[in-house]
Amino acid sequence: MDARIVWTIAFALMAGCGGGGSGPGTPSRFMYVNADQGPNEFYTETFGFAVYSGGALQPVKGFAPVPSSLAGGGPLAITRDSKLLYTTDTDEGGGLGSVADQIKAFQINPDGSLTPAPSPTLSMADGPVDLVPLPTADFLYVSSGSGVLSVFAINSATGALTLKSSLSLDSNIVVQSAVITPNGKYIYQAYVDYPNGFTQPPAPPQLAAFSIDPTTGTLSAVPGSPVSILSHYGIGSMSIDPTGKFLYATYGINNEVAAFSIDATSGALTAVPGSPFTTGGSETPIVTGLAVDPSGKFLVAGLEFSLQPGEMRSCLDVLSIDSGTGALSLVPGSPFGPAVVFCGGIAADPSEPIVYVGAARGIQANPGVPPATVVALSVDPTTGALTPVGEAAVPDATKVEVDVIAMTH
């Protein structure tokens, strides 16, 4: 289940999306997802889908799935102009314990299909863990397994990556997710420090904050960075509200969400009063993903409960966001959504009040287990309540989980 925890956001779909949406026409954007055959499976593929106004979804016609050998696939990063997609892979296939050692580039065609870019592959000795594109310039930030955070310039015509600068976060660490503010001014990198060469229990997870030079992409440490989170579970997914005022982070294998306010001038993080906030009511599910809706009023959290074989239930908590403090309050009626085994991740449409949720209705790749689906839900602008408006399945019956998602802009 680690891939669903470490990577933010996950789900998939297929033609004939049922209910809601405007139906086929001109897509408003494209969606790319990594799907696999269940927990600890190492054969992952990337699929492409057209997204229509209202939440309707269809596979990109003639799309050739992109293979990956990593469990849960690698991250998916789309450039600000929606022309290039980057992901990670191993060069010779992988198995248990394998790490990525390549960054692969694909051109996004007008019909949503992917073509290997003219400069398709960059090899890295220390294993890229996360890829985060800058929303305001052609730079890609790469977190590596050795604790190095690197800045690459993107050639938008060829996909080629040129190393511009790098810095070391710490020694003996495990790097986790990263996130950039919508205005492109600050990046936050999660990591866990293991003292004395991994021979002792880990220190509390850290969030390192850096300001970004808008011309060179160079990083400078933010005063007071890093900040600690009082958890021994690491940091899973993170989400920043559209105004760039608040950062929310999951605790990995916990049912709490940490909340921080972001200083607009310095980028420094300050814990929101009352943080961390609890999801799942009296139960203790794992929070599998986070997304703030485009209005910035609601945070949607995907949940994974401990269920009995064959049991399914709704798995989406909605929390209202206090616009002044960033504090979270559970929306009445939570959890929302259809009955499923678990939600693999959440993504919010950037332009309309819709969230997309990866829903698993089975956990094994064998006959009779339903393929992974994506459920589109509208967000009530006043209450935050979620209403299903459509659903579609991965166009591969063997794929029962979707681990990662990225959408064009």
Foldseek 3Di string as FASTA:
>chain_A
DQLLFQFFFWADFAPPWDFWFPDDDQAPWKKKFWFDQFPQQQKIWIFMWGAGPGGDIHGQPPADIHIARGVLFFAWEAELQRFKIKGFHDDPHDHPPDATFKIFMWTQDPSRHTDGFQQGIDGHDFGWHHWYYQNQFQWIWTQGQQQKIWIWGADSRGRDTHTQDIDHPDGQKGWGDKDAANVRFKIWTKMWHQPPNNPHQIDAIWIWMWTADSPRRDTDGFPPPIDGDPASQTWHEKEAANVRQKIWIFSRFWQWIWIWGADPPGRDTDTFPPPTDGPDPPFIWGFSHWYQALVNFKIKTWTAGDDDVPFWDQGIWIWTADPVRRDTDTFPPPPDDDTARTWSHKDYDNPFQKIKTWGARDRGQDPPGAAIKIWIWGADPPRRHTDTRTMGGHPPRSTRIIRHMDMHD
